[in-house]
Amino acid sequence: MRIRLDIAYDGTHFRGWARQPGLRSVQGTLEDALARVLGGDPRLVVAGRTDAGVHAADQVAHLDLDEGQVARLTARPPRGDAASGPAPEPAERLAARLRGVLGAYADVTVHRTSLAPAGFDARFSAVWRRYEYRIADRTAGYDPLERHRTTTVRAHLDGNEMDAAARSLVGLHDFAAYCKPREEATTIRTLLEFDWRRAPDGVLVANVKADAFCHSMVRALVGACVAVGEGRLDIEDVAAIRDAGERVPEVKVLAARGLTLTEVGYPDDALLAARAEQTRARRDRE
């Protein structure tokens, strides 16, 4: 049995998604909660590993259950009644059980759990990921209530220039100049959307959508746009830096606190298995 989990977390006090010995991680916290509910040694597969300090509004993971875990999941279902209607399916009840273990004011929660459709793989079936990055410049001012999810830049930023620079980067390209290198990992990505807007509170918000992201890519892209907004780079420079393929000191990797994974996209159920197979084959070639 494969279960899909839709997850949200405040990344401030996590050392990223991935389980690490002796460090608090989102994966470790959730797997410990799953073990309390289902027993065994649960292991989550996630759509995209987030770095330390990065948040998620709708992260997606999957979990494969062994026979013992299935038995615990389906044991003693609660009775429905006329007022509440029929009891939810065991896979759907799992989310509430996990929330009970995690606690009322936890910095990670499971919004939904469901029986995964055939062929679903949280990582390899995904066709795109969407992130948001929030910046409070001097126009917006500093709001202490938003400090955990907003980066402060002590300058007046030109949002229109930043938006134009962002849109110039969209497309299939090698983004090595905007990634931290990892051995044998490709830096070729399809940037599907990249734009900026000012929210009603004045905060600059980036929308960044791609088929996948390499390490620190979003925060470096945002850093390039900030350099444009400050006047340190021209709009044309950000694409020229990308095409040159080398990192430059003018492009800073901004803080993790401003970054949130907001959405993961999947194809229709009938195409999930084919998408996963296609993605695995491409990663093997890389």
C-alpha atoms as a PDB file:
ATOM      1  CA  MET A   1       0.000   0.000   0.000  1.00  0.00           C
ATOM      2  CA  ARG A   2       1.403   3.415  -0.981  1.00  0.00           C
ATOM      3  CA  ILE A   3       0.180   6.513   0.861  1.00  0.00           C
ATOM      4  CA  ARG A   4       0.441  10.104  -0.363  1.00  0.00           C
ATOM      5  CA  LEU A   5       1.067  12.762   2.280  1.00  0.00           C
ATOM      6  CA  ASP A   6       0.529  16.510   1.808  1.00  0.00           C
ATOM      7  CA  ILE A   7       2.736  18.311   4.307  1.00  0.00           C
ATOM      8  CA  ALA A   8       3.450  21.849   5.520  1.00  0.00           C
ATOM      9  CA  TYR A   9       6.226  23.110   7.762  1.00  0.00           C
ATOM     10  CA  ASP A  10       7.988  26.152   9.132  1.00  0.00           C
ATOM     11  CA  GLY A  11      11.613  25.383   8.328  1.00  0.00           C
ATOM     12  CA  THR A  12      13.112  27.823  10.846  1.00  0.00           C
ATOM     13  CA  HIS A  13      14.172  25.215  13.387  1.00  0.00           C
ATOM     14  CA  PHE A  14      14.801  22.312  11.015  1.00  0.00           C
ATOM     15  CA  ARG A  15      18.149  21.468   9.441  1.00  0.00           C
ATOM     16  CA  GLY A  16      16.382  20.813   6.166  1.00  0.00           C
ATOM     17  CA  TRP A  17      14.160  18.008   4.938  1.00  0.00           C
ATOM     18  CA  ALA A  18      16.585  15.080   4.932  1.00  0.00           C
ATOM     19  CA  ARG A  19      17.172  12.935   8.003  1.00  0.00           C
ATOM     20  CA  GLN A  20      20.634  13.567   9.489  1.00  0.00           C
ATOM     21  CA  PRO A  21      22.199  11.902  12.529  1.00  0.00           C
ATOM     22  CA  GLY A  22      21.926  14.080  15.608  1.00  0.00           C
ATOM     23  CA  LEU A  23      20.106  16.909  13.806  1.00  0.00           C
ATOM     24  CA  ARG A  24      16.429  17.831  13.734  1.00  0.00           C
ATOM     25  CA  SER A  25      14.950  17.411  10.253  1.00  0.00           C
ATOM     26  CA  VAL A  26      11.464  17.398   8.767  1.00  0.00           C
ATOM     27  CA  GLN A  27      11.862  13.857   7.464  1.00  0.00           C
ATOM     28  CA  GLY A  28      13.128  12.578  10.804  1.00  0.00           C
ATOM     29  CA  THR A  29      10.311  14.245  12.747  1.00  0.00           C
ATOM     30  CA  LEU A  30       7.625  12.845  10.453  1.00  0.00           C
ATOM     31  CA  GLU A  31       9.116   9.365  10.254  1.00  0.00           C
ATOM     32  CA  ASP A  32       9.320   9.222  14.061  1.00  0.00           C
ATOM     33  CA  ALA A  33       5.624  10.172  14.239  1.00  0.00           C
ATOM     34  CA  LEU A  34       4.757   7.563  11.604  1.00  0.00           C
ATOM     35  CA  ALA A  35       6.635   4.906  13.559  1.00  0.00           C
ATOM     36  CA  ARG A  36       4.567   5.707  16.662  1.00  0.00           C
ATOM     37  CA  VAL A  37       1.336   5.357  14.709  1.00  0.00           C
ATOM     38  CA  LEU A  38       2.180   2.490  12.346  1.00  0.00           C
ATOM     39  CA  GLY A  39       5.240   0.814  13.823  1.00  0.00           C
ATOM     40  CA  GLY A  40       8.125  -0.523  11.773  1.00  0.00           C
ATOM     41  CA  ASP A  41      10.737   1.651  10.093  1.00  0.00           C
ATOM     42  CA  PRO A  42       8.813   4.067   7.826  1.00  0.00           C
ATOM     43  CA  ARG A  43      10.758   5.899   5.110  1.00  0.00           C
ATOM     44  CA  LEU A  44       9.358   8.852   3.205  1.00  0.00           C
ATOM     45  CA  VAL A  45      10.117   9.738  -0.424  1.00  0.00           C
ATOM     46  CA  VAL A  46       9.669  13.468  -1.013  1.00  0.00           C
ATOM     47  CA  ALA A  47       8.953  15.590  -4.078  1.00  0.00           C
ATOM     48  CA  GLY A  48      11.857  17.929  -3.359  1.00  0.00           C
ATOM     49  CA  ARG A  49      14.346  18.118  -0.508  1.00  0.00           C
ATOM     50  CA  THR A  50      14.355  21.577   1.022  1.00  0.00           C
ATOM     51  CA  ASP A  51      17.438  23.123   2.625  1.00  0.00           C
ATOM     52  CA  ALA A  52      17.828  24.221   6.238  1.00  0.00           C
ATOM     53  CA  GLY A  53      15.482  27.094   7.023  1.00  0.00           C
ATOM     54  CA  VAL A  54      13.294  26.697   3.918  1.00  0.00           C
ATOM     55  CA  HIS A  55       9.545  26.388   4.467  1.00  0.00           C
ATOM     56  CA  ALA A  56       6.792  24.455   2.701  1.00  0.00           C
ATOM     57  CA  ALA A  57       3.098  25.224   2.314  1.00  0.00           C
ATOM     58  CA  ASP A  58       2.347  22.052   0.319  1.00  0.00           C
ATOM     59  CA  GLN A  59       5.173  19.543   0.189  1.00  0.00           C
ATOM     60  CA  VAL A  60       4.328  16.058  -1.122  1.00  0.00           C
ATOM     61  CA  ALA A  61       5.764  12.724  -0.028  1.00  0.00           C
ATOM     62  CA  HIS A  62       4.857   9.073  -0.288  1.00  0.00           C
ATOM     63  CA  LEU A  63       5.205   6.124   2.053  1.00  0.00           C
ATOM     64  CA  ASP A  64       5.111   2.396   1.271  1.00  0.00           C
ATOM     65  CA  LEU A  65       3.559   0.287   4.037  1.00  0.00           C
ATOM     66  CA  ASP A  66       4.522  -3.275   4.875  1.00  0.00           C
ATOM     67  CA  GLU A  67       1.913  -5.855   5.939  1.00  0.00           C
ATOM     68  CA  GLY A  68       2.237  -5.038   9.624  1.00  0.00           C
ATOM     69  CA  GLN A  69       1.803  -1.321   9.016  1.00  0.00           C
ATOM     70  CA  VAL A  70      -1.238  -1.939   6.826  1.00  0.00           C
ATOM     71  CA  ALA A  71      -2.758  -4.005   9.614  1.00  0.00           C
ATOM     72  CA  ARG A  72      -2.224  -1.192  12.132  1.00  0.00           C
ATOM     73  CA  LEU A  73      -3.578   1.391   9.715  1.00  0.00           C
ATOM     74  CA  THR A  74      -6.782  -0.531   9.093  1.00  0.00           C
ATOM     75  CA  ALA A  75      -7.384  -1.894  12.605  1.00  0.00           C
ATOM     76  CA  ARG A  76     -10.552  -0.913  14.497  1.00  0.00           C
ATOM     77  CA  PRO A  77     -11.939   1.813  12.233  1.00  0.00           C
ATOM     78  CA  PRO A  78     -14.131   4.356  14.075  1.00  0.00           C
ATOM     79  CA  ARG A  79     -17.868   4.034  13.564  1.00  0.00           C
ATOM     80  CA  GLY A  80     -19.760   6.560  11.504  1.00  0.00           C
ATOM     81  CA  ASP A  81     -23.085   7.925  12.689  1.00  0.00           C
ATOM     82  CA  ALA A  82     -25.995   9.801  11.217  1.00  0.00           C
ATOM     83  CA  ALA A  83     -24.627  13.161  12.330  1.00  0.00           C
ATOM     84  CA  SER A  84     -21.047  12.786  11.153  1.00  0.00           C
ATOM     85  CA  GLY A  85     -21.639  10.530   8.166  1.00  0.00           C
ATOM     86  CA  PRO A  86     -19.576   7.476   7.256  1.00  0.00           C
ATOM     87  CA  ALA A  87     -16.110   7.089   8.721  1.00  0.00           C
ATOM     88  CA  PRO A  88     -13.247   8.160   6.429  1.00  0.00           C
ATOM     89  CA  GLU A  89     -11.051   5.583   4.766  1.00  0.00           C
ATOM     90  CA  PRO A  90      -8.052   4.337   6.795  1.00  0.00           C
ATOM     91  CA  ALA A  91      -5.554   6.143   4.565  1.00  0.00           C
ATOM     92  CA  GLU A  92      -7.430   9.418   5.055  1.00  0.00           C
ATOM     93  CA  ARG A  93      -7.586   8.954   8.856  1.00  0.00           C
ATOM     94  CA  LEU A  94      -3.806   8.707   9.058  1.00  0.00           C
ATOM     95  CA  ALA A  95      -3.342  12.499   8.777  1.00  0.00           C
ATOM     96  CA  ALA A  96      -5.387  13.175  11.917  1.00  0.00           C
ATOM     97  CA  ARG A  97      -3.518  10.479  13.829  1.00  0.00           C
ATOM     98  CA  LEU A  98      -0.191  12.039  12.849  1.00  0.00           C
ATOM     99  CA  ARG A  99      -1.341  15.513  13.835  1.00  0.00           C
ATOM    100  CA  GLY A 100      -2.236  14.117  17.244  1.00  0.00           C
ATOM    101  CA  VAL A 101       1.301  12.800  17.689  1.00  0.00           C
ATOM    102  CA  LEU A 102       2.960  15.961  16.357  1.00  0.00           C
ATOM    103  CA  GLY A 103       1.010  18.225  18.704  1.00  0.00           C
ATOM    104  CA  ALA A 104      -1.329  21.199  18.482  1.00  0.00           C
ATOM    105  CA  TYR A 105       1.297  23.865  17.752  1.00  0.00           C
ATOM    106  CA  ALA A 106       3.892  21.827  15.882  1.00  0.00           C
ATOM    107  CA  ASP A 107       6.081  23.463  13.235  1.00  0.00           C
ATOM    108  CA  VAL A 108       5.269  20.609  10.847  1.00  0.00           C
ATOM    109  CA  THR A 109       1.875  19.130  10.018  1.00  0.00           C
ATOM    110  CA  VAL A 110       0.237  16.676   7.643  1.00  0.00           C
ATOM    111  CA  HIS A 111      -2.768  18.292   5.960  1.00  0.00           C
ATOM    112  CA  ARG A 112      -3.938  15.227   4.066  1.00  0.00           C
ATOM    113  CA  THR A 113      -3.163  11.557   3.582  1.00  0.00           C
ATOM    114  CA  SER A 114      -4.664   9.460   0.817  1.00  0.00           C
ATOM    115  CA  LEU A 115      -4.233   6.179  -0.982  1.00  0.00           C
ATOM    116  CA  ALA A 116      -1.819   6.929  -3.814  1.00  0.00           C
ATOM    117  CA  PRO A 117      -3.073   6.169  -7.335  1.00  0.00           C
ATOM    118  CA  ALA A 118      -1.296   3.487  -9.328  1.00  0.00           C
ATOM    119  CA  GLY A 119       2.086   4.607 -10.608  1.00  0.00           C
ATOM    120  CA  PHE A 120       2.367   7.581  -8.246  1.00  0.00           C
ATOM    121  CA  ASP A 121       5.869   8.519  -7.087  1.00  0.00           C
ATOM    122  CA  ALA A 122       6.120  11.745  -5.075  1.00  0.00           C
ATOM    123  CA  ARG A 123       9.552  12.528  -6.518  1.00  0.00           C
ATOM    124  CA  PHE A 124       9.685  11.074 -10.004  1.00  0.00           C
ATOM    125  CA  SER A 125       6.059  11.611 -11.069  1.00  0.00           C
ATOM    126  CA  ALA A 126       6.240  15.358 -10.394  1.00  0.00           C
ATOM    127  CA  VAL A 127       6.280  17.571 -13.489  1.00  0.00           C
ATOM    128  CA  TRP A 128       7.005  20.898 -11.754  1.00  0.00           C
ATOM    129  CA  ARG A 129       7.634  22.588  -8.423  1.00  0.00           C
ATOM    130  CA  ARG A 130       6.630  26.129  -7.465  1.00  0.00           C
ATOM    131  CA  TYR A 131       8.366  28.343  -4.904  1.00  0.00           C
ATOM    132  CA  GLU A 132       7.673  31.779  -3.453  1.00  0.00           C
ATOM    133  CA  TYR A 133      10.309  34.144  -2.141  1.00  0.00           C
ATOM    134  CA  ARG A 134       9.431  37.169   0.023  1.00  0.00           C
ATOM    135  CA  ILE A 135      11.587  40.289   0.415  1.00  0.00           C
ATOM    136  CA  ALA A 136      10.870  43.292   2.621  1.00  0.00           C
ATOM    137  CA  ASP A 137      12.826  46.290   1.330  1.00  0.00           C
ATOM    138  CA  ARG A 138      12.728  49.843   2.694  1.00  0.00           C
ATOM    139  CA  THR A 139       9.497  50.480   0.796  1.00  0.00           C
ATOM    140  CA  ALA A 140       7.737  47.650   2.633  1.00  0.00           C
ATOM    141  CA  GLY A 141       9.434  48.118   6.004  1.00  0.00           C
ATOM    142  CA  TYR A 142      10.153  45.474   8.619  1.00  0.00           C
ATOM    143  CA  ASP A 143       7.325  43.414  10.141  1.00  0.00           C
ATOM    144  CA  PRO A 144       8.507  41.303  13.087  1.00  0.00           C
ATOM    145  CA  LEU A 145       5.477  39.024  12.754  1.00  0.00           C
ATOM    146  CA  GLU A 146       6.694  37.982   9.281  1.00  0.00           C
ATOM    147  CA  ARG A 147      10.396  37.683  10.098  1.00  0.00           C
ATOM    148  CA  HIS A 148      10.539  33.885   9.849  1.00  0.00           C
ATOM    149  CA  ARG A 149       9.355  33.831   6.229  1.00  0.00           C
ATOM    150  CA  THR A 150      10.605  37.148   4.848  1.00  0.00           C
ATOM    151  CA  THR A 151      14.125  38.312   4.037  1.00  0.00           C
ATOM    152  CA  THR A 152      14.984  41.954   4.725  1.00  0.00           C
ATOM    153  CA  VAL A 153      16.991  43.966   2.182  1.00  0.00           C
ATOM    154  CA  ARG A 154      18.016  47.409   3.399  1.00  0.00           C
ATOM    155  CA  ALA A 155      17.477  49.234   0.109  1.00  0.00           C
ATOM    156  CA  HIS A 156      14.673  50.595  -2.056  1.00  0.00           C
ATOM    157  CA  LEU A 157      14.272  47.904  -4.725  1.00  0.00           C
ATOM    158  CA  ASP A 158      12.852  48.560  -8.196  1.00  0.00           C
ATOM    159  CA  GLY A 159      10.255  45.816  -8.532  1.00  0.00           C
ATOM    160  CA  ASN A 160       9.601  46.498 -12.204  1.00  0.00           C
ATOM    161  CA  GLU A 161      13.269  46.058 -13.076  1.00  0.00           C
ATOM    162  CA  MET A 162      13.418  42.869 -11.013  1.00  0.00           C
ATOM    163  CA  ASP A 163      10.346  41.499 -12.789  1.00  0.00           C
ATOM    164  CA  ALA A 164      11.828  42.203 -16.219  1.00  0.00           C
ATOM    165  CA  ALA A 165      15.096  40.528 -15.231  1.00  0.00           C
ATOM    166  CA  ALA A 166      13.276  37.475 -13.922  1.00  0.00           C
ATOM    167  CA  ARG A 167      11.193  37.026 -17.048  1.00  0.00           C
ATOM    168  CA  SER A 168      14.347  37.169 -19.199  1.00  0.00           C
ATOM    169  CA  LEU A 169      15.572  33.930 -17.602  1.00  0.00           C
ATOM    170  CA  VAL A 170      12.540  31.757 -18.444  1.00  0.00           C
ATOM    171  CA  GLY A 171      13.131  28.723 -20.635  1.00  0.00           C
ATOM    172  CA  LEU A 172      15.305  25.621 -20.977  1.00  0.00           C
ATOM    173  CA  HIS A 173      18.878  26.568 -20.077  1.00  0.00           C
ATOM    174  CA  ASP A 174      21.973  25.523 -18.198  1.00  0.00           C
ATOM    175  CA  PHE A 175      21.716  27.326 -14.849  1.00  0.00           C
ATOM    176  CA  ALA A 176      25.195  26.417 -13.568  1.00  0.00           C
ATOM    177  CA  ALA A 177      25.868  30.084 -12.808  1.00  0.00           C
ATOM    178  CA  TYR A 178      22.914  30.042 -10.399  1.00  0.00           C
ATOM    179  CA  CYS A 179      23.553  26.700  -8.675  1.00  0.00           C
ATOM    180  CA  LYS A 180      25.901  25.324  -6.070  1.00  0.00           C
ATOM    181  CA  PRO A 181      27.712  22.535  -7.938  1.00  0.00           C
ATOM    182  CA  ARG A 182      27.204  18.906  -6.985  1.00  0.00           C
ATOM    183  CA  GLU A 183      29.290  16.123  -8.443  1.00  0.00           C
ATOM    184  CA  GLU A 184      27.671  14.421 -11.464  1.00  0.00           C
ATOM    185  CA  ALA A 185      24.478  16.497 -11.096  1.00  0.00           C
ATOM    186  CA  THR A 186      23.074  18.315 -14.105  1.00  0.00           C
ATOM    187  CA  THR A 187      22.332  22.032 -13.943  1.00  0.00           C
ATOM    188  CA  ILE A 188      20.077  22.046 -17.025  1.00  0.00           C
ATOM    189  CA  ARG A 189      16.559  23.014 -16.022  1.00  0.00           C
ATOM    190  CA  THR A 190      13.363  24.347 -17.593  1.00  0.00           C
ATOM    191  CA  LEU A 191      12.359  27.536 -15.806  1.00  0.00           C
ATOM    192  CA  LEU A 192       8.634  27.714 -16.538  1.00  0.00           C
ATOM    193  CA  GLU A 193       7.725  30.921 -14.681  1.00  0.00           C
ATOM    194  CA  PHE A 194       9.693  33.634 -12.904  1.00  0.00           C
ATOM    195  CA  ASP A 195       8.172  36.968 -11.993  1.00  0.00           C
ATOM    196  CA  TRP A 196       7.860  39.530  -9.198  1.00  0.00           C
ATOM    197  CA  ARG A 197       4.959  41.468  -7.718  1.00  0.00           C
ATOM    198  CA  ARG A 198       4.395  43.710  -4.710  1.00  0.00           C
ATOM    199  CA  ALA A 199       1.888  42.287  -2.252  1.00  0.00           C
ATOM    200  CA  PRO A 200      -0.668  44.613  -0.603  1.00  0.00           C
ATOM    201  CA  ASP A 201       1.676  45.001   2.378  1.00  0.00           C
ATOM    202  CA  GLY A 202       4.459  46.196   0.068  1.00  0.00           C
ATOM    203  CA  VAL A 203       6.552  43.022   0.299  1.00  0.00           C
ATOM    204  CA  LEU A 204       8.146  41.891  -2.972  1.00  0.00           C
ATOM    205  CA  VAL A 205       7.090  38.346  -3.805  1.00  0.00           C
ATOM    206  CA  ALA A 206       8.785  36.150  -6.403  1.00  0.00           C
ATOM    207  CA  ASN A 207       6.930  33.330  -8.144  1.00  0.00           C
ATOM    208  CA  VAL A 208       9.369  30.685  -9.406  1.00  0.00           C
ATOM    209  CA  LYS A 209       8.220  27.522 -11.190  1.00  0.00           C
ATOM    210  CA  ALA A 210      10.421  24.907 -12.877  1.00  0.00           C
ATOM    211  CA  ASP A 211      10.465  21.242 -13.754  1.00  0.00           C
ATOM    212  CA  ALA A 212      13.098  20.847 -11.032  1.00  0.00           C
ATOM    213  CA  PHE A 213      15.685  22.952  -9.235  1.00  0.00           C
ATOM    214  CA  CYS A 214      19.355  22.414  -8.567  1.00  0.00           C
ATOM    215  CA  HIS A 215      20.959  23.230  -5.219  1.00  0.00           C
ATOM    216  CA  SER A 216      20.361  26.861  -4.093  1.00  0.00           C
ATOM    217  CA  MET A 217      19.029  27.780  -7.550  1.00  0.00           C
ATOM    218  CA  VAL A 218      15.984  29.760  -6.421  1.00  0.00           C
ATOM    219  CA  ARG A 219      17.901  31.787  -3.833  1.00  0.00           C
ATOM    220  CA  ALA A 220      20.625  32.599  -6.371  1.00  0.00           C
ATOM    221  CA  LEU A 221      18.084  33.649  -9.003  1.00  0.00           C
ATOM    222  CA  VAL A 222      16.451  35.888  -6.422  1.00  0.00           C
ATOM    223  CA  GLY A 223      19.859  37.298  -5.516  1.00  0.00           C
ATOM    224  CA  ALA A 224      20.478  38.237  -9.145  1.00  0.00           C
ATOM    225  CA  CYS A 225      17.164  40.069  -9.287  1.00  0.00           C
ATOM    226  CA  VAL A 226      17.940  41.939  -6.074  1.00  0.00           C
ATOM    227  CA  ALA A 227      21.209  43.108  -7.653  1.00  0.00           C
ATOM    228  CA  VAL A 228      19.122  44.464 -10.547  1.00  0.00           C
ATOM    229  CA  GLY A 229      16.635  46.059  -8.155  1.00  0.00           C
ATOM    230  CA  GLU A 230      19.488  47.825  -6.359  1.00  0.00           C
ATOM    231  CA  GLY A 231      21.052  48.990  -9.626  1.00  0.00           C
ATOM    232  CA  ARG A 232      24.213  46.885  -9.289  1.00  0.00           C
ATOM    233  CA  LEU A 233      23.312  44.853 -12.391  1.00  0.00           C
ATOM    234  CA  ASP A 234      21.364  45.676 -15.549  1.00  0.00           C
ATOM    235  CA  ILE A 235      18.423  43.598 -16.718  1.00  0.00           C
ATOM    236  CA  GLU A 236      20.476  42.128 -19.557  1.00  0.00           C
ATOM    237  CA  ASP A 237      23.240  41.040 -17.194  1.00  0.00           C
ATOM    238  CA  VAL A 238      21.285  38.244 -15.527  1.00  0.00           C
ATOM    239  CA  ALA A 239      20.851  36.282 -18.774  1.00  0.00           C
ATOM    240  CA  ALA A 240      24.440  37.027 -19.771  1.00  0.00           C
ATOM    241  CA  ILE A 241      25.652  35.584 -16.456  1.00  0.00           C
ATOM    242  CA  ARG A 242      23.499  32.497 -17.013  1.00  0.00           C
ATOM    243  CA  ASP A 243      24.865  31.987 -20.523  1.00  0.00           C
ATOM    244  CA  ALA A 244      28.476  32.419 -19.355  1.00  0.00           C
ATOM    245  CA  GLY A 245      27.924  29.454 -17.043  1.00  0.00           C
ATOM    246  CA  GLU A 246      30.044  30.655 -14.139  1.00  0.00           C
ATOM    247  CA  ARG A 247      29.090  32.034 -10.743  1.00  0.00           C
ATOM    248  CA  VAL A 248      29.937  35.685 -10.143  1.00  0.00           C
ATOM    249  CA  PRO A 249      30.337  37.653  -6.887  1.00  0.00           C
ATOM    250  CA  GLU A 250      27.595  40.117  -7.825  1.00  0.00           C
ATOM    251  CA  VAL A 251      24.989  37.351  -7.405  1.00  0.00           C
ATOM    252  CA  LYS A 252      24.417  36.538  -3.745  1.00  0.00           C
ATOM    253  CA  VAL A 253      22.541  33.475  -2.520  1.00  0.00           C
ATOM    254  CA  LEU A 254      19.863  35.013  -0.316  1.00  0.00           C
ATOM    255  CA  ALA A 255      18.776  33.679   3.072  1.00  0.00           C
ATOM    256  CA  ALA A 256      16.657  30.549   3.325  1.00  0.00           C
ATOM    257  CA  ARG A 257      14.055  32.234   5.534  1.00  0.00           C
ATOM    258  CA  GLY A 258      12.340  33.964   2.588  1.00  0.00           C
ATOM    259  CA  LEU A 259      11.791  30.775   0.583  1.00  0.00           C
ATOM    260  CA  THR A 260       8.658  28.595   0.645  1.00  0.00           C
ATOM    261  CA  LEU A 261       7.741  25.591  -1.491  1.00  0.00           C
ATOM    262  CA  THR A 262       4.118  26.327  -2.334  1.00  0.00           C
ATOM    263  CA  GLU A 263       3.016  23.657  -4.802  1.00  0.00           C
ATOM    264  CA  VAL A 264       4.047  20.462  -6.606  1.00  0.00           C
ATOM    265  CA  GLY A 265       2.420  19.568  -9.925  1.00  0.00           C
ATOM    266  CA  TYR A 266       1.592  16.071 -11.174  1.00  0.00           C
ATOM    267  CA  PRO A 267       0.069  14.789 -14.420  1.00  0.00           C
ATOM    268  CA  ASP A 268      -3.261  12.997 -14.693  1.00  0.00           C
ATOM    269  CA  ASP A 269      -3.370   9.675 -12.857  1.00  0.00           C
ATOM    270  CA  ALA A 270      -3.130   7.702 -16.099  1.00  0.00           C
ATOM    271  CA  LEU A 271       0.238   9.355 -16.845  1.00  0.00           C
ATOM    272  CA  LEU A 272       1.861   9.041 -13.406  1.00  0.00           C
ATOM    273  CA  ALA A 273       3.766   5.805 -14.054  1.00  0.00           C
ATOM    274  CA  ALA A 274       5.029   6.938 -17.466  1.00  0.00           C
ATOM    275  CA  ARG A 275       6.220  10.241 -16.013  1.00  0.00           C
ATOM    276  CA  ALA A 276       8.073   8.468 -13.207  1.00  0.00           C
ATOM    277  CA  GLU A 277       9.756   6.095 -15.647  1.00  0.00           C
ATOM    278  CA  GLN A 278      10.761   8.975 -17.908  1.00  0.00           C
ATOM    279  CA  THR A 279      12.239  10.972 -15.030  1.00  0.00           C
ATOM    280  CA  ARG A 280      14.191   8.006 -13.644  1.00  0.00           C
ATOM    281  CA  ALA A 281      15.649   7.282 -17.074  1.00  0.00           C
ATOM    282  CA  ARG A 282      16.760  10.884 -17.467  1.00  0.00           C
ATOM    283  CA  ARG A 283      18.367  10.968 -14.017  1.00  0.00           C
ATOM    284  CA  ASP A 284      20.196   7.698 -14.775  1.00  0.00           C
ATOM    285  CA  ARG A 285      21.641   9.257 -17.934  1.00  0.00           C
ATOM    286  CA  GLU A 286      22.770  12.289 -15.957  1.00  0.00           C
END
